[in-house]
C-alpha cells in the first residue's frame, strides 16, 4: 500500500518538528509539518493523514503547565481531530514525544477508561529535583500492546524535560494500567536490566516517576506517549559513545519506533 502520511503538529514553541518529520520520512512515511492554526482554519486537513505526531518542544512556552495550552486549543477547536486519531476504533496511530506526551496526558487519551470520578487517573508533574534535566537514559519495554514498541526489549534514548514525572492517582490506578500493558516503557538500571516497579534512584529514573514510567499507551496500543526523544537517536553516531564502539548498528535505538509505525500500515 502507499506510504502512510504523517501530520507533525506544530505550535508556537515547538522545536523538534523537523527532526521528527525527518525520522518518519527515513522510516518510509510521507510527513508534513502543520501549524495548529492552519488546522483550526481547515479541520478537514486531518483526513489526509494516517498518523498524528505531536513532537517535543515548549508549546506556548509551557505557560501555566507543560502542554496545557496546546491541549486546551485541541480540545476546544479540534475535538474531532483528537477523536479521529485517538479512537480505538480508527485505523490511525498517534504519537506524542515529550511535550507531545504532556499534551496527550492533558487530553486524557493515554489514561482513558481507567479510574472513576472527576480525578484524573494520572498526570505529569515536575521532576523530583525541581529543574530541567537533560541526559541519556536506559529504558526497558514492558509487556504491552503498543504498536510503536513491537519487538523491542531495551532502548537507550536522550530525555530533556522539567515536567516529566508520571504520577498515578493511586495504587489501584497504577495496577490497572500495568495489568492492561499501558505502562509501556520504563526507566531501567542499565542496558540489560528489565522492568522494575520499585522506583529507581536518580539518575536512573531521572524524574522520580511512579513505577519508573517513561511512556504510556492507550488500551488499543495505537496511541503512545513517551518522555524520552527517539528522534534524537536515529543514527548510530548519535550515541554519546559511538566513537568507542567496535561495532556499529545500522540504526540508532529510536529509529525502530518510527519504523514500527510505518510497518503497521503494510
C-alpha atoms as a PDB file:
ATOM      1  CA  UNK A   1       0.000   0.000   0.000  1.00  0.00           C
ATOM      2  CA  UNK A   2       1.111   3.649  -0.353  1.00  0.00           C
ATOM      3  CA  UNK A   3       3.326   5.135   2.354  1.00  0.00           C
ATOM      4  CA  UNK A   4       1.341   6.450   5.329  1.00  0.00           C
ATOM      5  CA  UNK A   5       1.100  10.206   5.664  1.00  0.00           C
ATOM      6  CA  UNK A   6       2.119  11.802   8.953  1.00  0.00           C
ATOM      7  CA  UNK A   7       0.764  15.039  10.406  1.00  0.00           C
ATOM      8  CA  UNK A   8       3.532  16.527  12.559  1.00  0.00           C
ATOM      9  CA  UNK A   9       1.698  19.155  14.584  1.00  0.00           C
ATOM     10  CA  UNK A  10       3.432  22.477  15.225  1.00  0.00           C
ATOM     11  CA  UNK A  11       2.598  25.269  17.637  1.00  0.00           C
ATOM     12  CA  UNK A  12       4.444  28.335  18.942  1.00  0.00           C
ATOM     13  CA  UNK A  13       7.413  26.964  20.891  1.00  0.00           C
ATOM     14  CA  UNK A  14       7.587  23.572  19.171  1.00  0.00           C
ATOM     15  CA  UNK A  15      11.237  22.885  18.311  1.00  0.00           C
ATOM     16  CA  UNK A  16      11.537  19.185  17.436  1.00  0.00           C
ATOM     17  CA  UNK A  17       9.167  19.073  14.469  1.00  0.00           C
ATOM     18  CA  UNK A  18      11.813  18.979  11.721  1.00  0.00           C
ATOM     19  CA  UNK A  19      13.761  16.124  13.318  1.00  0.00           C
ATOM     20  CA  UNK A  20      10.545  14.184  13.936  1.00  0.00           C
ATOM     21  CA  UNK A  21       9.317  14.675  10.363  1.00  0.00           C
ATOM     22  CA  UNK A  22      12.726  13.503   9.125  1.00  0.00           C
ATOM     23  CA  UNK A  23      12.537  10.403  11.352  1.00  0.00           C
ATOM     24  CA  UNK A  24       9.219   9.354   9.838  1.00  0.00           C
ATOM     25  CA  UNK A  25      10.483  10.005   6.314  1.00  0.00           C
ATOM     26  CA  UNK A  26      13.607   7.950   7.000  1.00  0.00           C
ATOM     27  CA  UNK A  27      11.284   5.128   8.101  1.00  0.00           C
ATOM     28  CA  UNK A  28       9.352   5.329   4.823  1.00  0.00           C
ATOM     29  CA  UNK A  29       6.444   7.663   5.585  1.00  0.00           C
ATOM     30  CA  UNK A  30       5.423  10.952   3.998  1.00  0.00           C
ATOM     31  CA  UNK A  31       5.421  13.646   6.663  1.00  0.00           C
ATOM     32  CA  UNK A  32       4.142  17.198   6.703  1.00  0.00           C
ATOM     33  CA  UNK A  33       4.633  19.795   9.410  1.00  0.00           C
ATOM     34  CA  UNK A  34       1.324  21.581  10.011  1.00  0.00           C
ATOM     35  CA  UNK A  35       0.729  24.525  12.334  1.00  0.00           C
ATOM     36  CA  UNK A  36      -2.203  24.175  14.737  1.00  0.00           C
ATOM     37  CA  UNK A  37      -3.698  27.450  13.434  1.00  0.00           C
ATOM     38  CA  UNK A  38      -3.829  26.007   9.928  1.00  0.00           C
ATOM     39  CA  UNK A  39      -5.781  23.020  11.223  1.00  0.00           C
ATOM     40  CA  UNK A  40      -8.187  25.240  13.124  1.00  0.00           C
ATOM     41  CA  UNK A  41      -8.821  27.199   9.915  1.00  0.00           C
ATOM     42  CA  UNK A  42      -9.343  23.978   7.927  1.00  0.00           C
ATOM     43  CA  UNK A  43     -10.039  20.978  10.205  1.00  0.00           C
ATOM     44  CA  UNK A  44     -10.726  18.683   7.232  1.00  0.00           C
ATOM     45  CA  UNK A  45      -6.955  18.582   6.601  1.00  0.00           C
ATOM     46  CA  UNK A  46      -6.919  15.762   9.157  1.00  0.00           C
ATOM     47  CA  UNK A  47      -8.412  13.438   6.562  1.00  0.00           C
ATOM     48  CA  UNK A  48      -5.159  13.454   4.600  1.00  0.00           C
ATOM     49  CA  UNK A  49      -3.172  11.686   7.313  1.00  0.00           C
ATOM     50  CA  UNK A  50      -2.915   8.260   8.924  1.00  0.00           C
ATOM     51  CA  UNK A  51      -0.521   9.205  11.733  1.00  0.00           C
ATOM     52  CA  UNK A  52      -0.674  12.166  14.100  1.00  0.00           C
ATOM     53  CA  UNK A  53       2.527  13.100  15.899  1.00  0.00           C
ATOM     54  CA  UNK A  54       2.843  15.850  18.482  1.00  0.00           C
ATOM     55  CA  UNK A  55       6.596  16.436  18.773  1.00  0.00           C
ATOM     56  CA  UNK A  56       8.756  17.820  21.526  1.00  0.00           C
ATOM     57  CA  UNK A  57       9.461  21.412  22.429  1.00  0.00           C
ATOM     58  CA  UNK A  58       7.830  24.009  24.628  1.00  0.00           C
ATOM     59  CA  UNK A  59       4.447  24.682  23.061  1.00  0.00           C
ATOM     60  CA  UNK A  60       3.212  28.135  24.041  1.00  0.00           C
ATOM     61  CA  UNK A  61       6.256  28.447  26.290  1.00  0.00           C
ATOM     62  CA  UNK A  62       4.854  25.784  28.655  1.00  0.00           C
ATOM     63  CA  UNK A  63       2.879  28.626  30.265  1.00  0.00           C
ATOM     64  CA  UNK A  64       0.523  27.546  33.077  1.00  0.00           C
ATOM     65  CA  UNK A  65       1.776  23.952  32.750  1.00  0.00           C
ATOM     66  CA  UNK A  66       3.647  21.945  30.115  1.00  0.00           C
ATOM     67  CA  UNK A  67       1.338  21.119  27.186  1.00  0.00           C
ATOM     68  CA  UNK A  68      -1.720  22.699  28.841  1.00  0.00           C
ATOM     69  CA  UNK A  69      -2.423  25.465  26.317  1.00  0.00           C
ATOM     70  CA  UNK A  70      -1.981  23.312  23.212  1.00  0.00           C
ATOM     71  CA  UNK A  71      -4.158  20.600  24.766  1.00  0.00           C
ATOM     72  CA  UNK A  72      -6.844  23.182  25.522  1.00  0.00           C
ATOM     73  CA  UNK A  73      -6.765  24.515  21.952  1.00  0.00           C
ATOM     74  CA  UNK A  74      -7.068  20.996  20.572  1.00  0.00           C
ATOM     75  CA  UNK A  75      -9.945  20.175  22.909  1.00  0.00           C
ATOM     76  CA  UNK A  76     -11.865  23.370  22.148  1.00  0.00           C
ATOM     77  CA  UNK A  77     -11.241  23.736  18.417  1.00  0.00           C
ATOM     78  CA  UNK A  78     -10.147  20.339  17.110  1.00  0.00           C
ATOM     79  CA  UNK A  79     -12.048  17.818  19.175  1.00  0.00           C
ATOM     80  CA  UNK A  80     -12.971  15.804  16.070  1.00  0.00           C
ATOM     81  CA  UNK A  81      -9.300  15.539  15.079  1.00  0.00           C
ATOM     82  CA  UNK A  82      -8.352  14.255  18.528  1.00  0.00           C
ATOM     83  CA  UNK A  83     -11.183  11.726  18.423  1.00  0.00           C
ATOM     84  CA  UNK A  84     -10.344  10.617  14.870  1.00  0.00           C
ATOM     85  CA  UNK A  85      -6.760   9.763  15.771  1.00  0.00           C
ATOM     86  CA  UNK A  86      -7.191   8.673  19.379  1.00  0.00           C
ATOM     87  CA  UNK A  87     -10.277   6.500  18.918  1.00  0.00           C
ATOM     88  CA  UNK A  88      -9.506   2.831  19.309  1.00  0.00           C
ATOM     89  CA  UNK A  89     -11.969   2.133  16.506  1.00  0.00           C
ATOM     90  CA  UNK A  90      -9.938   4.049  13.951  1.00  0.00           C
ATOM     91  CA  UNK A  91      -7.234   2.800  11.624  1.00  0.00           C
ATOM     92  CA  UNK A  92      -4.819   5.543  12.653  1.00  0.00           C
ATOM     93  CA  UNK A  93      -1.898   5.995  15.026  1.00  0.00           C
ATOM     94  CA  UNK A  94      -0.985   8.788  17.424  1.00  0.00           C
ATOM     95  CA  UNK A  95       2.447   9.512  18.892  1.00  0.00           C
ATOM     96  CA  UNK A  96       3.355  12.160  21.448  1.00  0.00           C
ATOM     97  CA  UNK A  97       7.020  12.837  22.238  1.00  0.00           C
ATOM     98  CA  UNK A  98       7.994  14.760  25.391  1.00  0.00           C
ATOM     99  CA  UNK A  99       5.818  17.891  25.119  1.00  0.00           C
ATOM    100  CA  UNK A 100       3.603  15.767  22.888  1.00  0.00           C
ATOM    101  CA  UNK A 101       3.119  13.250  25.688  1.00  0.00           C
ATOM    102  CA  UNK A 102       2.324  16.121  28.041  1.00  0.00           C
ATOM    103  CA  UNK A 103      -0.379  17.258  25.591  1.00  0.00           C
ATOM    104  CA  UNK A 104      -1.836  13.741  25.277  1.00  0.00           C
ATOM    105  CA  UNK A 105      -1.893  13.378  29.059  1.00  0.00           C
ATOM    106  CA  UNK A 106      -3.750  16.705  29.408  1.00  0.00           C
ATOM    107  CA  UNK A 107      -6.260  15.476  26.835  1.00  0.00           C
ATOM    108  CA  UNK A 108      -6.751  12.272  28.822  1.00  0.00           C
ATOM    109  CA  UNK A 109      -6.372   9.948  25.837  1.00  0.00           C
ATOM    110  CA  UNK A 110      -3.494   7.943  27.338  1.00  0.00           C
ATOM    111  CA  UNK A 111      -5.369   7.046  30.515  1.00  0.00           C
ATOM    112  CA  UNK A 112      -8.906   6.904  29.137  1.00  0.00           C
ATOM    113  CA  UNK A 113     -11.061   4.163  30.621  1.00  0.00           C
ATOM    114  CA  UNK A 114      -9.085   3.924  33.857  1.00  0.00           C
ATOM    115  CA  UNK A 115     -10.282   5.072  37.264  1.00  0.00           C
ATOM    116  CA  UNK A 116     -13.566   6.729  38.154  1.00  0.00           C
ATOM    117  CA  UNK A 117     -14.846  10.103  39.278  1.00  0.00           C
ATOM    118  CA  UNK A 118     -13.626  13.577  38.441  1.00  0.00           C
ATOM    119  CA  UNK A 119      -9.998  12.985  39.443  1.00  0.00           C
ATOM    120  CA  UNK A 120      -7.577  12.442  36.556  1.00  0.00           C
ATOM    121  CA  UNK A 121      -6.179   8.888  36.673  1.00  0.00           C
ATOM    122  CA  UNK A 122      -2.617  10.173  36.215  1.00  0.00           C
ATOM    123  CA  UNK A 123      -0.648  13.274  35.349  1.00  0.00           C
ATOM    124  CA  UNK A 124       2.838  14.519  34.544  1.00  0.00           C
ATOM    125  CA  UNK A 125       4.373  16.876  37.054  1.00  0.00           C
ATOM    126  CA  UNK A 126       7.696  18.480  37.955  1.00  0.00           C
ATOM    127  CA  UNK A 127      10.801  16.317  38.246  1.00  0.00           C
ATOM    128  CA  UNK A 128      11.677  15.462  41.829  1.00  0.00           C
ATOM    129  CA  UNK A 129      14.705  17.763  41.821  1.00  0.00           C
ATOM    130  CA  UNK A 130      12.565  20.653  40.556  1.00  0.00           C
ATOM    131  CA  UNK A 131      14.577  21.565  37.479  1.00  0.00           C
ATOM    132  CA  UNK A 132      15.036  20.847  33.810  1.00  0.00           C
ATOM    133  CA  UNK A 133      17.193  17.767  33.198  1.00  0.00           C
ATOM    134  CA  UNK A 134      18.907  16.616  30.011  1.00  0.00           C
ATOM    135  CA  UNK A 135      20.597  13.199  29.914  1.00  0.00           C
ATOM    136  CA  UNK A 136      20.621   9.763  28.256  1.00  0.00           C
ATOM    137  CA  UNK A 137      18.560   7.049  29.934  1.00  0.00           C
ATOM    138  CA  UNK A 138      18.247   3.285  29.721  1.00  0.00           C
ATOM    139  CA  UNK A 139      14.735   2.025  29.043  1.00  0.00           C
ATOM    140  CA  UNK A 140      13.018  -1.346  29.317  1.00  0.00           C
ATOM    141  CA  UNK A 141       9.901  -2.220  27.335  1.00  0.00           C
ATOM    142  CA  UNK A 142       7.119  -3.862  29.341  1.00  0.00           C
ATOM    143  CA  UNK A 143       4.639  -6.415  28.015  1.00  0.00           C
ATOM    144  CA  UNK A 144       2.377  -4.109  26.035  1.00  0.00           C
ATOM    145  CA  UNK A 145       0.055  -3.887  23.025  1.00  0.00           C
ATOM    146  CA  UNK A 146       1.837  -0.689  21.943  1.00  0.00           C
ATOM    147  CA  UNK A 147       2.257  -0.669  18.149  1.00  0.00           C
ATOM    148  CA  UNK A 148       5.316   1.581  18.327  1.00  0.00           C
ATOM    149  CA  UNK A 149       7.254  -0.801  20.608  1.00  0.00           C
ATOM    150  CA  UNK A 150       6.691  -4.106  18.801  1.00  0.00           C
ATOM    151  CA  UNK A 151       9.728  -6.371  19.009  1.00  0.00           C
ATOM    152  CA  UNK A 152      11.658  -4.025  21.306  1.00  0.00           C
ATOM    153  CA  UNK A 153      13.150  -5.009  24.660  1.00  0.00           C
ATOM    154  CA  UNK A 154      15.600  -2.298  25.688  1.00  0.00           C
ATOM    155  CA  UNK A 155      16.393   1.188  24.396  1.00  0.00           C
ATOM    156  CA  UNK A 156      18.876   3.952  25.102  1.00  0.00           C
ATOM    157  CA  UNK A 157      17.493   7.425  24.394  1.00  0.00           C
ATOM    158  CA  UNK A 158      18.058  11.028  25.463  1.00  0.00           C
ATOM    159  CA  UNK A 159      15.497  12.849  27.600  1.00  0.00           C
ATOM    160  CA  UNK A 160      15.137  16.580  28.201  1.00  0.00           C
ATOM    161  CA  UNK A 161      12.308  17.872  30.353  1.00  0.00           C
ATOM    162  CA  UNK A 162      11.320  19.600  33.595  1.00  0.00           C
ATOM    163  CA  UNK A 163       7.770  18.253  33.930  1.00  0.00           C
ATOM    164  CA  UNK A 164       8.042  14.568  33.078  1.00  0.00           C
ATOM    165  CA  UNK A 165       7.304  12.778  36.344  1.00  0.00           C
ATOM    166  CA  UNK A 166       4.449  10.328  35.828  1.00  0.00           C
ATOM    167  CA  UNK A 167       2.197  10.185  38.888  1.00  0.00           C
ATOM    168  CA  UNK A 168      -0.890   7.960  39.198  1.00  0.00           C
ATOM    169  CA  UNK A 169      -3.858   8.963  41.329  1.00  0.00           C
ATOM    170  CA  UNK A 170      -3.441   5.828  43.426  1.00  0.00           C
ATOM    171  CA  UNK A 171      -2.048   2.321  43.630  1.00  0.00           C
ATOM    172  CA  UNK A 172      -5.227   0.812  42.168  1.00  0.00           C
ATOM    173  CA  UNK A 173      -4.993   3.030  39.093  1.00  0.00           C
ATOM    174  CA  UNK A 174      -1.325   2.157  38.663  1.00  0.00           C
ATOM    175  CA  UNK A 175      -2.095  -1.557  38.942  1.00  0.00           C
ATOM    176  CA  UNK A 176      -4.921  -1.279  36.409  1.00  0.00           C
ATOM    177  CA  UNK A 177      -2.682   0.464  33.908  1.00  0.00           C
ATOM    178  CA  UNK A 178       0.047  -2.118  34.482  1.00  0.00           C
ATOM    179  CA  UNK A 179      -2.308  -5.054  34.035  1.00  0.00           C
ATOM    180  CA  UNK A 180      -3.522  -3.627  30.722  1.00  0.00           C
ATOM    181  CA  UNK A 181       0.051  -3.244  29.479  1.00  0.00           C
ATOM    182  CA  UNK A 182      -0.266   0.517  29.292  1.00  0.00           C
ATOM    183  CA  UNK A 183       2.847   1.370  31.332  1.00  0.00           C
ATOM    184  CA  UNK A 184       4.599   0.574  28.114  1.00  0.00           C
ATOM    185  CA  UNK A 185       8.180   1.711  28.651  1.00  0.00           C
ATOM    186  CA  UNK A 186      10.098   2.268  31.884  1.00  0.00           C
ATOM    187  CA  UNK A 187      13.376   3.780  33.004  1.00  0.00           C
ATOM    188  CA  UNK A 188      15.869   0.986  33.722  1.00  0.00           C
ATOM    189  CA  UNK A 189      19.110   0.428  35.645  1.00  0.00           C
ATOM    190  CA  UNK A 190      21.291  -0.391  32.651  1.00  0.00           C
ATOM    191  CA  UNK A 191      21.296  -1.769  29.103  1.00  0.00           C
ATOM    192  CA  UNK A 192      20.475  -5.318  30.180  1.00  0.00           C
ATOM    193  CA  UNK A 193      18.041  -4.859  33.077  1.00  0.00           C
ATOM    194  CA  UNK A 194      14.310  -5.352  32.749  1.00  0.00           C
ATOM    195  CA  UNK A 195      11.190  -3.671  34.074  1.00  0.00           C
ATOM    196  CA  UNK A 196      11.097  -2.818  37.783  1.00  0.00           C
ATOM    197  CA  UNK A 197       8.119  -1.427  39.712  1.00  0.00           C
ATOM    198  CA  UNK A 198      10.088  -0.093  42.678  1.00  0.00           C
ATOM    199  CA  UNK A 199      11.123   3.481  41.942  1.00  0.00           C
ATOM    200  CA  UNK A 200      14.766   3.619  40.899  1.00  0.00           C
ATOM    201  CA  UNK A 201      17.067   6.326  42.273  1.00  0.00           C
ATOM    202  CA  UNK A 202      18.235   9.350  40.305  1.00  0.00           C
ATOM    203  CA  UNK A 203      19.672   9.442  37.651  1.00  0.00           C
ATOM    204  CA  UNK A 204      18.448   6.004  36.506  1.00  0.00           C
ATOM    205  CA  UNK A 205      14.940   7.335  36.983  1.00  0.00           C
ATOM    206  CA  UNK A 206      15.603  10.982  36.106  1.00  0.00           C
ATOM    207  CA  UNK A 207      12.366  12.459  37.439  1.00  0.00           C
ATOM    208  CA  UNK A 208      11.069  10.107  40.149  1.00  0.00           C
ATOM    209  CA  UNK A 209       8.170   8.730  38.100  1.00  0.00           C
ATOM    210  CA  UNK A 210       5.871   6.161  39.695  1.00  0.00           C
ATOM    211  CA  UNK A 211       6.927   2.629  38.683  1.00  0.00           C
ATOM    212  CA  UNK A 212       9.719   4.262  36.609  1.00  0.00           C
ATOM    213  CA  UNK A 213       7.215   5.078  33.857  1.00  0.00           C
ATOM    214  CA  UNK A 214       8.716   6.793  30.817  1.00  0.00           C
ATOM    215  CA  UNK A 215       5.848   6.200  28.386  1.00  0.00           C
ATOM    216  CA  UNK A 216       2.187   5.171  28.353  1.00  0.00           C
ATOM    217  CA  UNK A 217      -0.140   3.820  25.670  1.00  0.00           C
ATOM    218  CA  UNK A 218      -3.901   3.581  25.384  1.00  0.00           C
ATOM    219  CA  UNK A 219      -5.726   0.257  25.671  1.00  0.00           C
ATOM    220  CA  UNK A 220      -5.565  -0.390  21.906  1.00  0.00           C
ATOM    221  CA  UNK A 221      -1.817   0.261  21.695  1.00  0.00           C
ATOM    222  CA  UNK A 222      -2.348   2.742  18.846  1.00  0.00           C
ATOM    223  CA  UNK A 223      -1.877   5.880  20.941  1.00  0.00           C
ATOM    224  CA  UNK A 224       1.520   6.243  22.608  1.00  0.00           C
ATOM    225  CA  UNK A 225       3.265   8.980  24.536  1.00  0.00           C
ATOM    226  CA  UNK A 226       6.816   8.924  25.861  1.00  0.00           C
ATOM    227  CA  UNK A 227       9.047  11.484  27.520  1.00  0.00           C
ATOM    228  CA  UNK A 228      12.433  10.451  26.004  1.00  0.00           C
ATOM    229  CA  UNK A 229      13.252  11.569  22.439  1.00  0.00           C
ATOM    230  CA  UNK A 230      13.518   8.728  19.882  1.00  0.00           C
ATOM    231  CA  UNK A 231      14.053  11.226  17.045  1.00  0.00           C
ATOM    232  CA  UNK A 232      17.386  12.165  18.636  1.00  0.00           C
ATOM    233  CA  UNK A 233      18.789   8.653  18.274  1.00  0.00           C
ATOM    234  CA  UNK A 234      18.166   7.654  14.670  1.00  0.00           C
ATOM    235  CA  UNK A 235      21.747   7.086  13.602  1.00  0.00           C
ATOM    236  CA  UNK A 236      24.422   5.117  15.494  1.00  0.00           C
ATOM    237  CA  UNK A 237      26.600   8.256  15.507  1.00  0.00           C
ATOM    238  CA  UNK A 238      24.012   9.957  17.720  1.00  0.00           C
ATOM    239  CA  UNK A 239      25.020   7.617  20.556  1.00  0.00           C
ATOM    240  CA  UNK A 240      27.244   9.533  23.034  1.00  0.00           C
ATOM    241  CA  UNK A 241      29.854   6.738  22.974  1.00  0.00           C
ATOM    242  CA  UNK A 242      29.727   5.926  19.270  1.00  0.00           C
ATOM    243  CA  UNK A 243      33.456   6.566  18.740  1.00  0.00           C
ATOM    244  CA  UNK A 244      34.305   3.880  21.313  1.00  0.00           C
ATOM    245  CA  UNK A 245      32.099   1.185  19.815  1.00  0.00           C
ATOM    246  CA  UNK A 246      33.864  -1.622  17.989  1.00  0.00           C
ATOM    247  CA  UNK A 247      30.725  -2.489  16.024  1.00  0.00           C
ATOM    248  CA  UNK A 248      28.124  -0.014  14.841  1.00  0.00           C
ATOM    249  CA  UNK A 249      24.464  -0.991  14.437  1.00  0.00           C
ATOM    250  CA  UNK A 250      22.681   0.074  11.268  1.00  0.00           C
ATOM    251  CA  UNK A 251      20.353   2.435  13.133  1.00  0.00           C
ATOM    252  CA  UNK A 252      20.075   4.175  16.480  1.00  0.00           C
ATOM    253  CA  UNK A 253      17.619   2.821  19.027  1.00  0.00           C
ATOM    254  CA  UNK A 254      14.951   5.428  18.374  1.00  0.00           C
ATOM    255  CA  UNK A 255      14.537   4.572  14.701  1.00  0.00           C
ATOM    256  CA  UNK A 256      12.565   1.386  15.460  1.00  0.00           C
ATOM    257  CA  UNK A 257       9.686   3.385  16.952  1.00  0.00           C
ATOM    258  CA  UNK A 258       9.110   5.208  13.670  1.00  0.00           C
ATOM    259  CA  UNK A 259       9.711   2.086  11.578  1.00  0.00           C
ATOM    260  CA  UNK A 260       7.138   0.141  13.612  1.00  0.00           C
ATOM    261  CA  UNK A 261       4.565   2.869  12.969  1.00  0.00           C
ATOM    262  CA  UNK A 262       5.137   2.764   9.209  1.00  0.00           C
ATOM    263  CA  UNK A 263       5.143  -1.025   9.026  1.00  0.00           C
ATOM    264  CA  UNK A 264       1.827  -1.232  10.876  1.00  0.00           C
ATOM    265  CA  UNK A 265       0.159   0.011   7.668  1.00  0.00           C
ATOM    266  CA  UNK A 266       1.776  -2.576   5.412  1.00  0.00           C
END
